[in-house]
Amino acid sequence: MGYRIHYAVRDGMLQAAVSGNTLGRGAGDHAIWIARDIAAQAGQEKSSRVLIDLRGLADRLGFLGSLSMARGERSGGYRVAVVDTMENDAYYALHEVAALARGCVLRCFTSVADAARWLRSAPGQD
């Protein structure tokens, strides 16, 4: 049990590819830890546009879509694109609404290219 996050900054956006798994005891805590790690990196990079690719993370149930960006200490102003498989798409509607309530825009995509295009089209880019 464990995860790894690979970061890259491209086109003014932070890209985070998460791999590993969250199966077992404490899986919910992993979502919070992953979220905090990515939010901290976004803060260091001074990027409000974040692309998170979850396709390499096994044993998740879509709840990671929010990645606590809507629960984080500094959530307002983020624009977050989550890349996940089509099977998990139905889970994201709730996360999108929760993110909006916190001043964050979150959308789910099935391709990195579509997610990056949406992030680049954001008004008031970095």
Protein backbone atom coordinates (compact mmCIF):
# COMPACT_ATOMS: atom_id res chain seq x y z
CA MET A 1 0.00 0.00 0.00
CA GLY A 2 1.34 3.42 -0.94
CA TYR A 3 1.47 6.03 -3.64
CA ARG A 4 3.89 8.15 -5.61
CA ILE A 5 3.35 11.54 -7.24
CA HIS A 6 5.39 12.63 -10.25
CA TYR A 7 5.30 16.41 -10.81
CA ALA A 8 5.99 18.49 -13.90
CA VAL A 9 5.31 22.11 -14.74
CA ARG A 10 4.21 22.64 -18.34
CA ASP A 11 2.50 25.57 -20.01
CA GLY A 12 2.15 27.34 -16.66
CA MET A 13 0.26 24.47 -15.05
CA LEU A 14 1.30 21.91 -12.47
CA GLN A 15 0.84 18.35 -13.68
CA ALA A 16 0.73 15.61 -11.05
CA ALA A 17 0.60 11.93 -12.02
CA VAL A 18 -0.36 9.73 -9.07
CA SER A 19 0.51 6.03 -9.06
CA GLY A 20 0.38 3.20 -6.56
CA ASN A 21 -2.69 2.15 -4.61
CA THR A 22 -4.89 3.17 -1.72
CA LEU A 23 -6.28 -0.24 -0.86
CA GLY A 24 -6.61 -1.21 2.77
CA ARG A 25 -6.80 0.52 6.08
CA GLY A 26 -6.32 4.26 5.92
CA ALA A 27 -7.25 4.56 2.25
CA GLY A 28 -9.31 7.67 2.99
CA ASP A 29 -6.31 9.22 4.69
CA HIS A 30 -4.28 8.65 1.53
CA ALA A 31 -6.70 10.86 -0.41
CA ILE A 32 -6.11 13.66 2.09
CA TRP A 33 -2.32 13.16 2.05
CA ILE A 34 -2.24 13.11 -1.75
CA ALA A 35 -4.34 16.28 -1.82
CA ARG A 36 -2.11 18.07 0.64
CA ASP A 37 1.03 17.03 -1.22
CA ILE A 38 -0.34 18.31 -4.53
CA ALA A 39 -1.69 21.53 -3.00
CA ALA A 40 1.68 22.18 -1.36
CA GLN A 41 3.47 21.66 -4.65
CA ALA A 42 0.99 23.96 -6.43
CA GLY A 43 1.74 26.58 -3.78
CA GLN A 44 5.49 26.21 -4.27
CA GLU A 45 5.09 26.50 -8.03
CA LYS A 46 2.64 29.40 -7.60
CA SER A 47 0.27 27.66 -9.99
CA SER A 48 -3.49 27.88 -9.67
CA ARG A 49 -3.98 25.51 -12.61
CA VAL A 50 -3.47 21.87 -11.67
CA LEU A 51 -3.81 18.72 -13.79
CA ILE A 52 -4.04 15.51 -11.74
CA ASP A 53 -3.78 12.17 -13.52
CA LEU A 54 -5.19 9.35 -11.38
CA ARG A 55 -5.18 6.59 -13.96
CA GLY A 56 -2.04 5.01 -12.46
CA LEU A 57 -3.57 4.81 -8.98
CA ALA A 58 -5.14 1.41 -8.35
CA ASP A 59 -7.96 0.59 -5.97
CA ARG A 60 -9.59 3.98 -5.82
CA LEU A 61 -13.30 4.60 -5.98
CA GLY A 62 -13.54 8.02 -7.58
CA PHE A 63 -13.60 9.79 -4.21
CA LEU A 64 -10.04 10.86 -4.89
CA GLY A 65 -11.40 13.16 -7.58
CA SER A 66 -11.85 15.91 -5.09
CA LEU A 67 -8.35 15.31 -3.73
CA SER A 68 -9.39 17.61 -0.94
CA MET A 69 -8.64 20.60 -3.13
CA ALA A 70 -12.12 21.67 -2.01
CA ARG A 71 -11.15 20.93 1.61
CA GLY A 72 -7.69 22.41 1.59
CA GLU A 73 -6.60 25.45 3.52
CA ARG A 74 -5.93 27.41 0.33
CA SER A 75 -8.55 26.10 -2.04
CA GLY A 76 -9.98 29.29 -3.53
CA GLY A 77 -8.88 30.20 -7.03
CA TYR A 78 -7.70 26.76 -8.10
CA ARG A 79 -8.73 25.33 -11.44
CA VAL A 80 -8.26 21.57 -11.26
CA ALA A 81 -8.54 19.04 -14.08
CA VAL A 82 -8.65 15.42 -12.94
CA VAL A 83 -7.87 12.70 -15.48
CA ASP A 84 -9.51 9.40 -14.64
CA THR A 85 -11.09 6.43 -16.37
CA MET A 86 -14.61 6.61 -17.75
CA GLU A 87 -15.76 4.09 -15.13
CA ASN A 88 -15.20 6.66 -12.38
CA ASP A 89 -16.82 9.59 -14.21
CA ALA A 90 -20.11 9.36 -12.29
CA TYR A 91 -18.34 10.05 -8.99
CA TYR A 92 -17.10 13.48 -10.04
CA ALA A 93 -20.37 15.43 -10.20
CA LEU A 94 -20.48 15.68 -6.41
CA HIS A 95 -16.83 16.72 -6.23
CA GLU A 96 -17.35 19.41 -8.86
CA VAL A 97 -20.20 20.95 -6.84
CA ALA A 98 -18.21 20.74 -3.58
CA ALA A 99 -15.21 22.40 -5.22
CA LEU A 100 -17.37 25.27 -6.52
CA ALA A 101 -18.69 25.87 -3.01
CA ARG A 102 -15.07 26.40 -1.92
CA GLY A 103 -14.14 28.74 -4.77
CA CYS A 104 -12.38 26.08 -6.83
CA VAL A 105 -13.31 24.83 -10.30
CA LEU A 106 -12.88 21.08 -10.79
CA ARG A 107 -13.61 19.05 -13.92
CA CYS A 108 -13.01 15.41 -14.80
CA PHE A 109 -11.57 14.26 -18.14
CA THR A 110 -10.60 10.95 -19.65
CA SER A 111 -7.61 12.35 -21.57
CA VAL A 112 -4.64 14.46 -20.53
CA ALA A 113 -4.86 16.46 -23.78
CA ASP A 114 -8.48 17.48 -23.12
CA ALA A 115 -7.70 18.34 -19.50
CA ALA A 116 -4.69 20.48 -20.47
CA ARG A 117 -6.70 22.24 -23.18
CA TRP A 118 -9.40 23.13 -20.63
CA LEU A 119 -6.81 24.44 -18.18
CA ARG A 120 -5.08 26.54 -20.87
CA SER A 121 -8.42 28.09 -21.83
CA ALA A 122 -8.95 29.45 -18.32
CA PRO A 123 -9.56 33.20 -18.11
CA GLY A 124 -6.95 35.09 -16.14
CA GLN A 125 -4.24 32.49 -16.63
CA ASP A 126 -1.01 32.62 -14.62
